[in-house]
Amino acid sequence: MDESLFQEFLKKAGLRFKSHPWHGIEVGADAPAVVTAYIEIIPSDTVKYEVDKPSGHLKVDRPQKFSNIVPALYGFIPKTYCKEEIAKFCMEKTGRTGIIGDGDPLDICVLTERDITHGDIIVQAKIVGGFRMIDNNEADDKIVAVLKQDELYAQWNDIHDMPPSIVNRLSHYFLTYKQFPGQGQKVEIPHIYGREEAYEVVKASQRDYENYFKPLSLSHLG
C-alpha cells in the first residue's frame, strides 16, 4: 500500500469508528481565527470531566471544588500540545526563566448565550483572546473564544471588547478552581492578551503537537 492509499484508509476508518478527540479531529481550515473545540465540561456540571488521553473517552477527573463553577464551555483545541514552543513564548512575554509547558492540549473556554446541556461535543469557536496562566512554573494558557454565530457573544472580536465583569469572572475561576481554603495561591495570570496574541499561542501549540505527534504514516509501521 502506498502512502496516499494509507492516508485515505485512515480517513475512511475515521468514518466507521469514533475519532480520538485530541488526535482525530481537525482544528479547521480557518484556524487560528476560528477553531474546532472539543468541550469537556459545561457550567452546570458539578464534577470536572476530562478526556482520558490513552482511550479518548471522557472520564471524571474530580468533583468541582466548593461553589466554583466553570463560567463557560470548557475543553481543548484538538491537535495542539503545550511543551517547548508554548514555554518559550511564555518566557518571551513574561521575561521569566524556568517555565515549562504543562504537557496537555491547549485549553479553551467558549462563551455562548445558548444553553448547551452536556459536554463530549465539538463546537466552532471564534478566538478573541486568552489568559497567560502559570501554574507552578508550568505554562497553562487559557484561550478565550465565543461560539461562532452566537447572537449575543459573536459581536465581540477581541477580549478587550468584552465587559470587564465577564473577563473578571473567567479570571477568578482559573485562579481558584484548584485551590482549597487556607492554601497559598499557586496559580497566577500575569497577562490577559488579545486576539492576535492568542493566534500566536495557538500556532505555538500546533508546532509543539507536530514536534511530538507526527502524523501516522507507513513508516511508523516498520
N, C-alpha and C. Protein backbone atom coordinates (compact mmCIF):
# COMPACT_ATOMS: atom_id res chain seq x y z
N MET A 1 0.86 -1.20 0.00
CA MET A 1 0.00 0.00 0.00
C MET A 1 0.89 1.25 0.00
N ASP A 2 0.67 2.16 -0.97
CA ASP A 2 1.48 3.37 -0.96
C ASP A 2 0.94 4.36 0.06
N GLU A 3 1.71 5.44 0.25
CA GLU A 3 1.39 6.38 1.33
C GLU A 3 0.04 7.05 1.13
N SER A 4 -0.30 7.43 -0.11
CA SER A 4 -1.57 8.12 -0.35
C SER A 4 -2.75 7.21 -0.06
N LEU A 5 -2.64 5.93 -0.42
CA LEU A 5 -3.72 4.98 -0.12
C LEU A 5 -3.85 4.75 1.37
N PHE A 6 -2.71 4.75 2.06
CA PHE A 6 -2.74 4.56 3.52
C PHE A 6 -3.45 5.72 4.20
N GLN A 7 -3.16 6.95 3.77
CA GLN A 7 -3.81 8.12 4.36
C GLN A 7 -5.32 8.10 4.07
N GLU A 8 -5.70 7.66 2.88
CA GLU A 8 -7.12 7.55 2.55
C GLU A 8 -7.80 6.49 3.41
N PHE A 9 -7.09 5.39 3.67
CA PHE A 9 -7.61 4.35 4.56
C PHE A 9 -7.87 4.91 5.96
N LEU A 10 -6.94 5.72 6.47
CA LEU A 10 -7.11 6.29 7.80
C LEU A 10 -8.34 7.20 7.85
N LYS A 11 -8.54 7.99 6.79
CA LYS A 11 -9.71 8.87 6.76
C LYS A 11 -11.00 8.08 6.78
N LYS A 12 -11.06 7.02 6.00
CA LYS A 12 -12.28 6.22 5.94
C LYS A 12 -12.51 5.44 7.23
N ALA A 13 -11.43 5.03 7.87
CA ALA A 13 -11.56 4.36 9.17
C ALA A 13 -12.19 5.31 10.19
N GLY A 14 -11.87 6.61 10.08
CA GLY A 14 -12.45 7.60 10.98
C GLY A 14 -13.95 7.77 10.79
N LEU A 15 -14.46 7.41 9.62
CA LEU A 15 -15.90 7.47 9.39
C LEU A 15 -16.63 6.29 10.03
N ARG A 16 -15.91 5.20 10.24
CA ARG A 16 -16.52 4.00 10.79
C ARG A 16 -16.40 3.95 12.32
N PHE A 17 -15.31 4.49 12.83
CA PHE A 17 -15.04 4.44 14.26
C PHE A 17 -14.94 5.86 14.81
N LYS A 18 -15.30 6.04 16.07
CA LYS A 18 -15.23 7.36 16.69
C LYS A 18 -13.78 7.82 16.78
N SER A 19 -13.52 9.03 16.32
CA SER A 19 -12.17 9.58 16.35
C SER A 19 -11.78 9.98 17.77
N HIS A 20 -10.50 9.84 18.06
CA HIS A 20 -9.98 10.33 19.33
C HIS A 20 -10.12 11.86 19.33
N PRO A 21 -10.73 12.46 20.37
CA PRO A 21 -10.99 13.90 20.32
C PRO A 21 -9.73 14.77 20.31
N TRP A 22 -8.61 14.25 20.78
CA TRP A 22 -7.37 15.02 20.76
C TRP A 22 -6.64 14.85 19.43
N HIS A 23 -6.55 13.62 18.95
CA HIS A 23 -5.70 13.34 17.80
C HIS A 23 -6.47 13.14 16.50
N GLY A 24 -7.77 12.90 16.57
CA GLY A 24 -8.51 12.52 15.38
C GLY A 24 -9.44 13.57 14.82
N ILE A 25 -9.52 14.74 15.45
CA ILE A 25 -10.40 15.82 14.99
C ILE A 25 -9.55 16.95 14.42
N GLU A 26 -9.91 17.43 13.26
CA GLU A 26 -9.16 18.53 12.63
C GLU A 26 -9.53 19.86 13.27
N VAL A 27 -8.54 20.73 13.43
CA VAL A 27 -8.78 22.02 14.07
C VAL A 27 -9.58 22.94 13.17
N GLY A 28 -9.54 22.72 11.85
CA GLY A 28 -10.34 23.51 10.93
C GLY A 28 -9.50 24.37 10.01
N ALA A 29 -10.03 24.62 8.81
CA ALA A 29 -9.29 25.37 7.78
C ALA A 29 -9.13 26.84 8.13
N ASP A 30 -9.98 27.38 9.01
CA ASP A 30 -9.92 28.80 9.36
C ASP A 30 -9.11 29.08 10.61
N ALA A 31 -8.45 28.06 11.15
CA ALA A 31 -7.60 28.26 12.32
C ALA A 31 -6.42 29.16 11.96
N PRO A 32 -5.95 30.01 12.88
CA PRO A 32 -6.36 30.08 14.29
C PRO A 32 -7.52 31.03 14.59
N ALA A 33 -8.09 31.67 13.58
CA ALA A 33 -9.18 32.61 13.85
C ALA A 33 -10.42 31.90 14.36
N VAL A 34 -10.80 30.83 13.70
CA VAL A 34 -11.93 30.00 14.11
C VAL A 34 -11.44 28.57 14.21
N VAL A 35 -11.68 27.94 15.36
CA VAL A 35 -11.17 26.59 15.58
C VAL A 35 -12.31 25.65 15.98
N THR A 36 -12.09 24.39 15.71
CA THR A 36 -12.94 23.37 16.29
C THR A 36 -12.48 23.13 17.71
N ALA A 37 -13.38 23.21 18.67
CA ALA A 37 -13.05 22.97 20.07
C ALA A 37 -13.82 21.76 20.58
N TYR A 38 -13.13 20.92 21.31
CA TYR A 38 -13.78 19.78 21.96
C TYR A 38 -14.14 20.19 23.38
N ILE A 39 -15.43 20.10 23.72
CA ILE A 39 -15.93 20.56 25.02
C ILE A 39 -16.02 19.38 25.99
N GLU A 40 -15.34 19.53 27.12
CA GLU A 40 -15.36 18.50 28.16
C GLU A 40 -16.41 18.79 29.24
N ILE A 41 -16.50 20.05 29.68
CA ILE A 41 -17.42 20.39 30.77
C ILE A 41 -18.20 21.65 30.42
N ILE A 42 -19.36 21.78 31.06
CA ILE A 42 -20.25 22.92 30.85
C ILE A 42 -20.57 23.53 32.22
N PRO A 43 -21.14 24.75 32.25
CA PRO A 43 -21.36 25.43 33.53
C PRO A 43 -22.20 24.67 34.55
N SER A 44 -23.11 23.80 34.11
CA SER A 44 -23.97 23.10 35.07
C SER A 44 -23.34 21.84 35.65
N ASP A 45 -22.16 21.46 35.18
CA ASP A 45 -21.52 20.24 35.69
C ASP A 45 -21.01 20.45 37.12
N THR A 46 -21.29 19.49 37.97
CA THR A 46 -20.82 19.55 39.36
C THR A 46 -19.55 18.75 39.57
N VAL A 47 -19.10 18.06 38.53
CA VAL A 47 -17.80 17.40 38.56
C VAL A 47 -17.01 17.86 37.35
N LYS A 48 -15.70 17.77 37.44
CA LYS A 48 -14.83 18.14 36.32
C LYS A 48 -14.55 16.89 35.50
N TYR A 49 -14.98 16.93 34.25
CA TYR A 49 -14.68 15.85 33.32
C TYR A 49 -13.46 16.24 32.49
N GLU A 50 -12.70 15.23 32.08
CA GLU A 50 -11.64 15.48 31.13
C GLU A 50 -11.42 14.22 30.30
N VAL A 51 -10.81 14.40 29.15
CA VAL A 51 -10.56 13.26 28.27
C VAL A 51 -9.46 12.39 28.86
N ASP A 52 -9.72 11.09 28.88
CA ASP A 52 -8.69 10.11 29.21
C ASP A 52 -7.79 9.99 27.98
N LYS A 53 -6.55 10.42 28.10
CA LYS A 53 -5.69 10.56 26.91
C LYS A 53 -5.44 9.24 26.19
N PRO A 54 -5.21 8.12 26.87
CA PRO A 54 -4.97 6.89 26.11
C PRO A 54 -6.19 6.41 25.31
N SER A 55 -7.39 6.51 25.91
CA SER A 55 -8.58 5.94 25.26
C SER A 55 -9.39 6.93 24.46
N GLY A 56 -9.33 8.22 24.82
CA GLY A 56 -10.17 9.22 24.17
C GLY A 56 -11.56 9.33 24.76
N HIS A 57 -11.88 8.53 25.79
CA HIS A 57 -13.18 8.61 26.44
C HIS A 57 -13.17 9.70 27.51
N LEU A 58 -14.36 10.27 27.75
CA LEU A 58 -14.49 11.28 28.79
C LEU A 58 -14.55 10.59 30.14
N LYS A 59 -13.79 11.10 31.11
CA LYS A 59 -13.76 10.50 32.44
C LYS A 59 -14.00 11.57 33.51
N VAL A 60 -14.35 11.13 34.71
CA VAL A 60 -14.48 12.04 35.85
C VAL A 60 -13.09 12.30 36.40
N ASP A 61 -12.70 13.57 36.43
CA ASP A 61 -11.41 13.95 36.99
C ASP A 61 -11.52 14.17 38.49
N ARG A 62 -12.49 15.02 38.88
CA ARG A 62 -12.69 15.29 40.31
C ARG A 62 -13.98 16.09 40.45
N PRO A 63 -14.59 16.07 41.65
CA PRO A 63 -15.72 16.98 41.87
C PRO A 63 -15.25 18.43 41.79
N GLN A 64 -16.14 19.30 41.31
CA GLN A 64 -15.82 20.73 41.34
C GLN A 64 -15.68 21.17 42.79
N LYS A 65 -14.64 21.92 43.11
CA LYS A 65 -14.38 22.31 44.49
C LYS A 65 -15.33 23.42 44.93
N PHE A 66 -16.04 23.16 46.03
CA PHE A 66 -16.88 24.17 46.67
C PHE A 66 -17.89 24.74 45.67
N SER A 67 -18.01 26.05 45.59
CA SER A 67 -19.03 26.64 44.71
C SER A 67 -18.44 27.13 43.39
N ASN A 68 -17.22 26.70 43.09
CA ASN A 68 -16.55 27.20 41.90
C ASN A 68 -17.08 26.47 40.67
N ILE A 69 -17.77 27.19 39.81
CA ILE A 69 -18.41 26.61 38.63
C ILE A 69 -17.81 27.25 37.39
N VAL A 70 -17.45 26.43 36.43
CA VAL A 70 -16.87 26.97 35.20
C VAL A 70 -17.88 27.90 34.52
N PRO A 71 -17.47 29.12 34.18
CA PRO A 71 -18.44 30.09 33.65
C PRO A 71 -18.62 30.05 32.13
N ALA A 72 -18.14 29.01 31.48
CA ALA A 72 -18.25 28.91 30.02
C ALA A 72 -18.09 27.45 29.63
N LEU A 73 -18.37 27.14 28.39
CA LEU A 73 -18.00 25.82 27.88
C LEU A 73 -16.48 25.70 27.95
N TYR A 74 -15.99 24.54 28.36
CA TYR A 74 -14.55 24.41 28.62
C TYR A 74 -14.03 23.10 28.06
N GLY A 75 -12.92 23.18 27.33
CA GLY A 75 -12.32 21.99 26.76
C GLY A 75 -10.95 22.31 26.20
N PHE A 76 -10.68 21.78 25.00
CA PHE A 76 -9.36 22.00 24.41
C PHE A 76 -9.46 22.04 22.89
N ILE A 77 -8.37 22.50 22.29
CA ILE A 77 -8.28 22.55 20.83
C ILE A 77 -7.56 21.30 20.36
N PRO A 78 -8.18 20.49 19.50
CA PRO A 78 -7.54 19.26 19.03
C PRO A 78 -6.23 19.55 18.30
N LYS A 79 -5.37 18.54 18.33
CA LYS A 79 -4.07 18.57 17.65
C LYS A 79 -3.23 19.78 18.07
N THR A 80 -3.30 20.09 19.37
CA THR A 80 -2.40 21.08 19.97
C THR A 80 -1.73 20.42 21.17
N TYR A 81 -0.62 20.99 21.61
CA TYR A 81 0.14 20.45 22.72
C TYR A 81 0.94 21.58 23.34
N CYS A 82 1.13 21.55 24.62
CA CYS A 82 1.82 22.63 25.32
C CYS A 82 3.14 22.12 25.89
N LYS A 83 4.20 22.34 25.13
CA LYS A 83 5.54 21.93 25.56
C LYS A 83 6.54 23.08 25.31
N GLU A 84 7.62 22.80 24.58
CA GLU A 84 8.72 23.77 24.48
C GLU A 84 8.31 25.07 23.80
N GLU A 85 7.55 25.00 22.71
CA GLU A 85 7.18 26.22 21.99
C GLU A 85 6.28 27.12 22.84
N ILE A 86 5.34 26.52 23.54
CA ILE A 86 4.46 27.30 24.43
C ILE A 86 5.27 27.88 25.59
N ALA A 87 6.17 27.09 26.16
CA ALA A 87 7.00 27.58 27.26
C ALA A 87 7.90 28.73 26.81
N LYS A 88 8.48 28.58 25.62
CA LYS A 88 9.35 29.62 25.07
C LYS A 88 8.58 30.93 24.88
N PHE A 89 7.37 30.83 24.33
CA PHE A 89 6.56 32.03 24.09
C PHE A 89 6.19 32.69 25.42
N CYS A 90 5.86 31.89 26.42
CA CYS A 90 5.52 32.42 27.74
C CYS A 90 6.72 33.15 28.35
N MET A 91 7.89 32.56 28.25
CA MET A 91 9.09 33.20 28.82
C MET A 91 9.43 34.49 28.09
N GLU A 92 9.23 34.50 26.75
CA GLU A 92 9.48 35.73 25.99
C GLU A 92 8.57 36.86 26.45
N LYS A 93 7.32 36.53 26.72
CA LYS A 93 6.33 37.55 27.07
C LYS A 93 6.43 37.99 28.54
N THR A 94 6.92 37.12 29.41
CA THR A 94 6.97 37.46 30.84
C THR A 94 8.36 37.85 31.31
N GLY A 95 9.40 37.53 30.52
CA GLY A 95 10.77 37.79 30.94
C GLY A 95 11.27 36.82 32.00
N ARG A 96 10.55 35.72 32.19
CA ARG A 96 10.93 34.74 33.20
C ARG A 96 11.75 33.61 32.57
N THR A 97 12.33 32.80 33.44
CA THR A 97 13.05 31.61 33.02
C THR A 97 12.50 30.41 33.78
N GLY A 98 12.84 29.23 33.30
CA GLY A 98 12.45 28.02 34.01
C GLY A 98 11.02 27.59 33.82
N ILE A 99 10.31 28.19 32.86
CA ILE A 99 8.92 27.81 32.59
C ILE A 99 8.92 26.60 31.65
N ILE A 100 8.04 25.65 31.91
CA ILE A 100 7.86 24.50 31.02
C ILE A 100 6.40 24.43 30.60
N GLY A 101 6.14 23.74 29.50
CA GLY A 101 4.76 23.51 29.09
C GLY A 101 4.12 22.46 29.98
N ASP A 102 2.80 22.51 30.12
CA ASP A 102 2.13 21.61 31.07
C ASP A 102 1.87 20.21 30.51
N GLY A 103 2.19 19.97 29.23
CA GLY A 103 2.06 18.63 28.67
C GLY A 103 0.64 18.22 28.34
N ASP A 104 -0.26 19.19 28.15
CA ASP A 104 -1.65 18.92 27.80
C ASP A 104 -1.99 19.65 26.50
N PRO A 105 -3.10 19.28 25.85
CA PRO A 105 -3.57 20.10 24.74
C PRO A 105 -3.94 21.50 25.22
N LEU A 106 -4.01 22.44 24.31
CA LEU A 106 -4.28 23.84 24.66
C LEU A 106 -5.73 24.02 25.09
N ASP A 107 -5.93 24.54 26.29
CA ASP A 107 -7.27 24.74 26.85
C ASP A 107 -7.99 25.90 26.18
N ILE A 108 -9.32 25.78 26.11
CA ILE A 108 -10.14 26.85 25.55
C ILE A 108 -11.45 26.93 26.30
N CYS A 109 -11.92 28.13 26.56
CA CYS A 109 -13.27 28.33 27.09
C CYS A 109 -14.07 29.10 26.05
N VAL A 110 -15.30 28.67 25.84
CA VAL A 110 -16.14 29.20 24.76
C VAL A 110 -17.41 29.79 25.35
N LEU A 111 -17.61 31.08 25.14
CA LEU A 111 -18.78 31.78 25.67
C LEU A 111 -19.94 31.69 24.68
N THR A 112 -21.13 31.44 25.22
CA THR A 112 -22.34 31.42 24.40
C THR A 112 -23.53 31.76 25.29
N GLU A 113 -24.54 32.38 24.67
CA GLU A 113 -25.77 32.63 25.41
C GLU A 113 -26.68 31.41 25.42
N ARG A 114 -26.39 30.43 24.59
CA ARG A 114 -27.24 29.27 24.46
C ARG A 114 -27.02 28.28 25.59
N ASP A 115 -28.05 27.55 25.93
CA ASP A 115 -27.99 26.57 27.00
C ASP A 115 -27.60 25.22 26.40
N ILE A 116 -26.32 24.93 26.43
CA ILE A 116 -25.81 23.64 25.94
C ILE A 116 -25.78 22.69 27.13
N THR A 117 -26.41 21.53 26.98
CA THR A 117 -26.76 20.71 28.14
C THR A 117 -25.74 19.64 28.51
N HIS A 118 -24.75 19.39 27.68
CA HIS A 118 -23.77 18.37 28.04
C HIS A 118 -22.48 18.59 27.27
N GLY A 119 -21.41 18.00 27.78
CA GLY A 119 -20.13 18.04 27.11
C GLY A 119 -19.98 16.88 26.15
N ASP A 120 -18.72 16.54 25.84
CA ASP A 120 -18.40 15.50 24.85
C ASP A 120 -18.98 15.88 23.49
N ILE A 121 -18.80 17.15 23.11
CA ILE A 121 -19.26 17.65 21.83
C ILE A 121 -18.16 18.51 21.22
N ILE A 122 -18.29 18.80 19.93
CA ILE A 122 -17.38 19.74 19.28
C ILE A 122 -18.19 20.95 18.84
N VAL A 123 -17.55 22.13 18.93
CA VAL A 123 -18.19 23.38 18.54
C VAL A 123 -17.20 24.19 17.71
N GLN A 124 -17.73 25.12 16.93
CA GLN A 124 -16.91 26.08 16.20
C GLN A 124 -16.78 27.33 17.04
N ALA A 125 -15.55 27.72 17.32
CA ALA A 125 -15.29 28.81 18.26
C ALA A 125 -14.42 29.88 17.62
N LYS A 126 -14.84 31.14 17.76
CA LYS A 126 -14.08 32.28 17.26
C LYS A 126 -13.20 32.82 18.39
N ILE A 127 -11.89 32.78 18.20
CA ILE A 127 -10.95 33.17 19.25
C ILE A 127 -10.92 34.69 19.39
N VAL A 128 -10.98 35.15 20.64
CA VAL A 128 -10.94 36.59 20.92
C VAL A 128 -9.79 37.00 21.83
N GLY A 129 -9.11 36.06 22.46
CA GLY A 129 -8.02 36.42 23.36
C GLY A 129 -7.62 35.25 24.23
N GLY A 130 -7.01 35.56 25.38
CA GLY A 130 -6.60 34.49 26.27
C GLY A 130 -5.99 34.99 27.55
N PHE A 131 -5.80 34.05 28.46
CA PHE A 131 -5.14 34.30 29.74
C PHE A 131 -3.79 33.58 29.74
N ARG A 132 -2.73 34.31 30.02
CA ARG A 132 -1.42 33.67 30.19
C ARG A 132 -1.35 33.17 31.63
N MET A 133 -1.66 31.92 31.83
CA MET A 133 -1.70 31.36 33.18
C MET A 133 -0.44 30.55 33.44
N ILE A 134 0.12 30.72 34.62
CA ILE A 134 1.29 29.95 35.05
C ILE A 134 0.91 29.21 36.31
N ASP A 135 1.06 27.90 36.27
CA ASP A 135 0.67 27.03 37.37
C ASP A 135 1.90 26.25 37.81
N ASN A 136 2.48 26.68 38.96
CA ASN A 136 3.70 26.02 39.44
C ASN A 136 4.79 25.95 38.37
N ASN A 137 5.06 27.09 37.76
CA ASN A 137 6.08 27.22 36.72
C ASN A 137 5.76 26.47 35.42
N GLU A 138 4.50 26.07 35.26
CA GLU A 138 4.06 25.47 34.01
C GLU A 138 3.19 26.44 33.23
N ALA A 139 3.50 26.63 31.95
CA ALA A 139 2.66 27.45 31.09
C ALA A 139 1.36 26.71 30.82
N ASP A 140 0.23 27.33 31.17
CA ASP A 140 -1.08 26.67 31.09
C ASP A 140 -2.09 27.67 30.53
N ASP A 141 -1.80 28.19 29.32
CA ASP A 141 -2.64 29.23 28.72
C ASP A 141 -4.09 28.77 28.59
N LYS A 142 -5.00 29.73 28.75
CA LYS A 142 -6.43 29.51 28.56
C LYS A 142 -6.90 30.42 27.44
N ILE A 143 -7.21 29.84 26.31
CA ILE A 143 -7.72 30.61 25.19
C ILE A 143 -9.19 30.94 25.44
N VAL A 144 -9.58 32.17 25.12
CA VAL A 144 -10.97 32.61 25.28
C VAL A 144 -11.57 32.78 23.89
N ALA A 145 -12.77 32.22 23.71
CA ALA A 145 -13.43 32.28 22.41
C ALA A 145 -14.93 32.49 22.61
N VAL A 146 -15.60 32.80 21.53
CA VAL A 146 -17.06 32.89 21.53
C VAL A 146 -17.60 31.90 20.51
N LEU A 147 -18.77 31.37 20.78
CA LEU A 147 -19.37 30.41 19.85
C LEU A 147 -19.64 31.11 18.52
N LYS A 148 -19.18 30.50 17.45
CA LYS A 148 -19.37 31.09 16.13
C LYS A 148 -20.86 31.28 15.85
N GLN A 149 -21.23 32.46 15.39
CA GLN A 149 -22.60 32.85 15.03
C GLN A 149 -23.54 32.95 16.24
N ASP A 150 -22.99 32.99 17.44
CA ASP A 150 -23.83 33.23 18.61
C ASP A 150 -24.44 34.63 18.50
N GLU A 151 -25.72 34.74 18.76
CA GLU A 151 -26.42 36.02 18.52
C GLU A 151 -25.96 37.13 19.46
N LEU A 152 -25.47 36.78 20.65
CA LEU A 152 -25.02 37.79 21.60
C LEU A 152 -23.51 37.94 21.59
N TYR A 153 -22.79 36.85 21.82
CA TYR A 153 -21.35 36.92 22.05
C TYR A 153 -20.55 37.07 20.76
N ALA A 154 -21.08 36.65 19.63
CA ALA A 154 -20.30 36.69 18.39
C ALA A 154 -20.00 38.11 17.93
N GLN A 155 -20.64 39.12 18.51
CA GLN A 155 -20.35 40.50 18.14
C GLN A 155 -18.98 40.94 18.65
N TRP A 156 -18.42 40.22 19.61
CA TRP A 156 -17.11 40.59 20.16
C TRP A 156 -16.01 39.93 19.35
N ASN A 157 -15.06 40.76 18.92
CA ASN A 157 -13.95 40.28 18.11
C ASN A 157 -12.63 40.20 18.87
N ASP A 158 -12.61 40.79 20.06
CA ASP A 158 -11.40 40.79 20.88
C ASP A 158 -11.82 40.78 22.34
N ILE A 159 -10.99 40.20 23.18
CA ILE A 159 -11.32 40.11 24.60
C ILE A 159 -11.51 41.49 25.22
N HIS A 160 -10.86 42.50 24.64
CA HIS A 160 -10.98 43.86 25.16
C HIS A 160 -12.31 44.51 24.78
N ASP A 161 -13.08 43.85 23.91
CA ASP A 161 -14.45 44.30 23.60
C ASP A 161 -15.44 43.84 24.66
N MET A 162 -15.04 42.86 25.46
CA MET A 162 -15.97 42.23 26.39
C MET A 162 -16.11 43.05 27.67
N PRO A 163 -17.27 43.00 28.32
CA PRO A 163 -17.42 43.69 29.60
C PRO A 163 -16.41 43.17 30.62
N PRO A 164 -15.81 44.06 31.42
CA PRO A 164 -14.83 43.61 32.43
C PRO A 164 -15.38 42.56 33.38
N SER A 165 -16.68 42.59 33.65
CA SER A 165 -17.26 41.63 34.58
C SER A 165 -17.11 40.19 34.08
N ILE A 166 -17.23 39.99 32.76
CA ILE A 166 -17.07 38.65 32.20
C ILE A 166 -15.61 38.21 32.27
N VAL A 167 -14.70 39.11 31.92
CA VAL A 167 -13.28 38.80 31.97
C VAL A 167 -12.87 38.48 33.41
N ASN A 168 -13.37 39.28 34.35
CA ASN A 168 -13.02 39.06 35.76
C ASN A 168 -13.56 37.73 36.27
N ARG A 169 -14.73 37.37 35.81
CA ARG A 169 -15.31 36.10 36.25
C ARG A 169 -14.49 34.91 35.74
N LEU A 170 -14.10 34.97 34.49
CA LEU A 170 -13.25 33.91 33.94
C LEU A 170 -11.91 33.86 34.68
N SER A 171 -11.31 35.02 34.90
CA SER A 171 -10.03 35.07 35.59
C SER A 171 -10.14 34.49 36.99
N HIS A 172 -11.19 34.84 37.71
CA HIS A 172 -11.37 34.34 39.07
C HIS A 172 -11.49 32.82 39.08
N TYR A 173 -12.22 32.28 38.12
CA TYR A 173 -12.36 30.82 38.07
C TYR A 173 -11.00 30.15 37.90
N PHE A 174 -10.22 30.62 36.96
CA PHE A 174 -8.94 29.95 36.69
C PHE A 174 -7.94 30.15 37.82
N LEU A 175 -8.05 31.23 38.55
CA LEU A 175 -7.14 31.45 39.68
C LEU A 175 -7.50 30.61 40.89
N THR A 176 -8.73 30.14 40.97
CA THR A 176 -9.19 29.50 42.21
C THR A 176 -9.70 28.07 42.05
N TYR A 177 -9.83 27.56 40.82
CA TYR A 177 -10.55 26.29 40.67
C TYR A 177 -9.78 25.09 41.20
N LYS A 178 -8.49 25.22 41.47
CA LYS A 178 -7.72 24.13 42.06
C LYS A 178 -7.41 24.36 43.54
N GLN A 179 -7.87 25.45 44.07
CA GLN A 179 -7.40 25.90 45.38
C GLN A 179 -8.35 25.51 46.51
N PHE A 180 -7.80 24.98 47.60
CA PHE A 180 -8.54 24.73 48.83
C PHE A 180 -8.39 25.93 49.76
N PRO A 181 -9.39 26.19 50.62
CA PRO A 181 -9.25 27.27 51.61
C PRO A 181 -8.01 27.06 52.47
N GLY A 182 -7.28 28.15 52.69
CA GLY A 182 -6.09 28.09 53.52
C GLY A 182 -4.82 27.79 52.77
N GLN A 183 -4.95 27.39 51.51
CA GLN A 183 -3.77 27.14 50.70
C GLN A 183 -3.24 28.44 50.11
N GLY A 184 -1.94 28.51 49.94
CA GLY A 184 -1.37 29.63 49.23
C GLY A 184 -1.69 29.53 47.75
N GLN A 185 -1.74 30.65 47.08
CA GLN A 185 -2.10 30.65 45.66
C GLN A 185 -0.91 30.21 44.83
N LYS A 186 -1.07 29.13 44.07
CA LYS A 186 0.00 28.60 43.23
C LYS A 186 -0.16 29.03 41.77
N VAL A 187 -1.35 29.50 41.42
CA VAL A 187 -1.67 29.85 40.04
C VAL A 187 -1.67 31.36 39.89
N GLU A 188 -1.13 31.85 38.79
CA GLU A 188 -1.15 33.30 38.53
C GLU A 188 -1.45 33.55 37.07
N ILE A 189 -2.00 34.74 36.81
CA ILE A 189 -2.28 35.18 35.45
C ILE A 189 -1.57 36.52 35.25
N PRO A 190 -0.32 36.49 34.76
CA PRO A 190 0.42 37.75 34.59
C PRO A 190 -0.09 38.62 33.45
N HIS A 191 -0.74 38.01 32.45
CA HIS A 191 -1.21 38.78 31.29
C HIS A 191 -2.58 38.29 30.83
N ILE A 192 -3.39 39.23 30.41
CA ILE A 192 -4.59 38.94 29.63
C ILE A 192 -4.33 39.53 28.24
N TYR A 193 -4.35 38.70 27.22
CA TYR A 193 -3.94 39.16 25.90
C TYR A 193 -5.09 39.08 24.90
N GLY A 194 -4.94 39.86 23.84
CA GLY A 194 -5.99 39.97 22.83
C GLY A 194 -5.90 38.91 21.75
N ARG A 195 -6.72 39.12 20.73
CA ARG A 195 -6.92 38.13 19.68
C ARG A 195 -5.63 37.77 18.95
N GLU A 196 -4.84 38.77 18.52
CA GLU A 196 -3.67 38.49 17.70
C GLU A 196 -2.64 37.66 18.47
N GLU A 197 -2.46 37.97 19.74
CA GLU A 197 -1.52 37.19 20.54
C GLU A 197 -2.06 35.79 20.79
N ALA A 198 -3.36 35.68 20.94
CA ALA A 198 -3.97 34.35 21.10
C ALA A 198 -3.70 33.48 19.88
N TYR A 199 -3.74 34.10 18.70
CA TYR A 199 -3.43 33.34 17.48
C TYR A 199 -2.01 32.76 17.57
N GLU A 200 -1.07 33.56 18.07
CA GLU A 200 0.32 33.10 18.17
C GLU A 200 0.45 31.95 19.16
N VAL A 201 -0.34 31.99 20.24
CA VAL A 201 -0.32 30.90 21.21
C VAL A 201 -0.84 29.62 20.56
N VAL A 202 -1.92 29.73 19.80
CA VAL A 202 -2.46 28.55 19.11
C VAL A 202 -1.41 27.98 18.15
N LYS A 203 -0.77 28.83 17.39
CA LYS A 203 0.24 28.37 16.44
C LYS A 203 1.41 27.68 17.15
N ALA A 204 1.82 28.23 18.29
CA ALA A 204 2.91 27.61 19.05
C ALA A 204 2.51 26.22 19.54
N SER A 205 1.26 26.09 19.98
CA SER A 205 0.80 24.78 20.45
C SER A 205 0.67 23.78 19.30
N GLN A 206 0.38 24.27 18.11
CA GLN A 206 0.33 23.39 16.94
C GLN A 206 1.74 22.92 16.56
N ARG A 207 2.72 23.80 16.70
CA ARG A 207 4.11 23.38 16.44
C ARG A 207 4.54 22.33 17.44
N ASP A 208 4.19 22.54 18.71
CA ASP A 208 4.51 21.53 19.71
C ASP A 208 3.86 20.19 19.38
N TYR A 209 2.63 20.23 18.91
CA TYR A 209 1.95 18.98 18.56
C TYR A 209 2.68 18.28 17.42
N GLU A 210 3.04 19.04 16.39
CA GLU A 210 3.74 18.45 15.25
C GLU A 210 5.08 17.87 15.67
N ASN A 211 5.74 18.50 16.62
CA ASN A 211 7.04 18.01 17.09
C ASN A 211 6.92 16.71 17.88
N TYR A 212 5.81 16.53 18.59
CA TYR A 212 5.67 15.37 19.46
C TYR A 212 4.78 14.28 18.89
N PHE A 213 3.85 14.65 18.03
CA PHE A 213 2.91 13.67 17.49
C PHE A 213 2.91 13.78 15.96
N LYS A 214 3.87 13.17 15.34
CA LYS A 214 3.95 13.21 13.89
C LYS A 214 2.75 12.49 13.29
N PRO A 215 2.21 12.96 12.16
CA PRO A 215 1.11 12.26 11.50
C PRO A 215 1.48 10.80 11.23
N LEU A 216 0.55 9.90 11.48
CA LEU A 216 0.80 8.48 11.28
C LEU A 216 1.02 8.20 9.81
N SER A 217 2.08 7.46 9.50
CA SER A 217 2.39 7.10 8.12
C SER A 217 2.85 5.64 8.10
N LEU A 218 3.07 5.13 6.88
CA LEU A 218 3.52 3.74 6.75
C LEU A 218 4.85 3.50 7.44
N SER A 219 5.70 4.52 7.53
CA SER A 219 7.00 4.36 8.16
C SER A 219 6.89 4.01 9.63
N HIS A 220 5.75 4.44 10.29
CA HIS A 220 5.56 4.11 11.69
C HIS A 220 5.28 2.62 11.89
N LEU A 221 4.89 1.94 10.83
CA LEU A 221 4.55 0.52 10.96
C LEU A 221 5.74 -0.39 10.68
N GLY A 222 6.91 0.21 10.46
CA GLY A 222 8.11 -0.57 10.25
C GLY A 222 8.22 -1.10 8.86
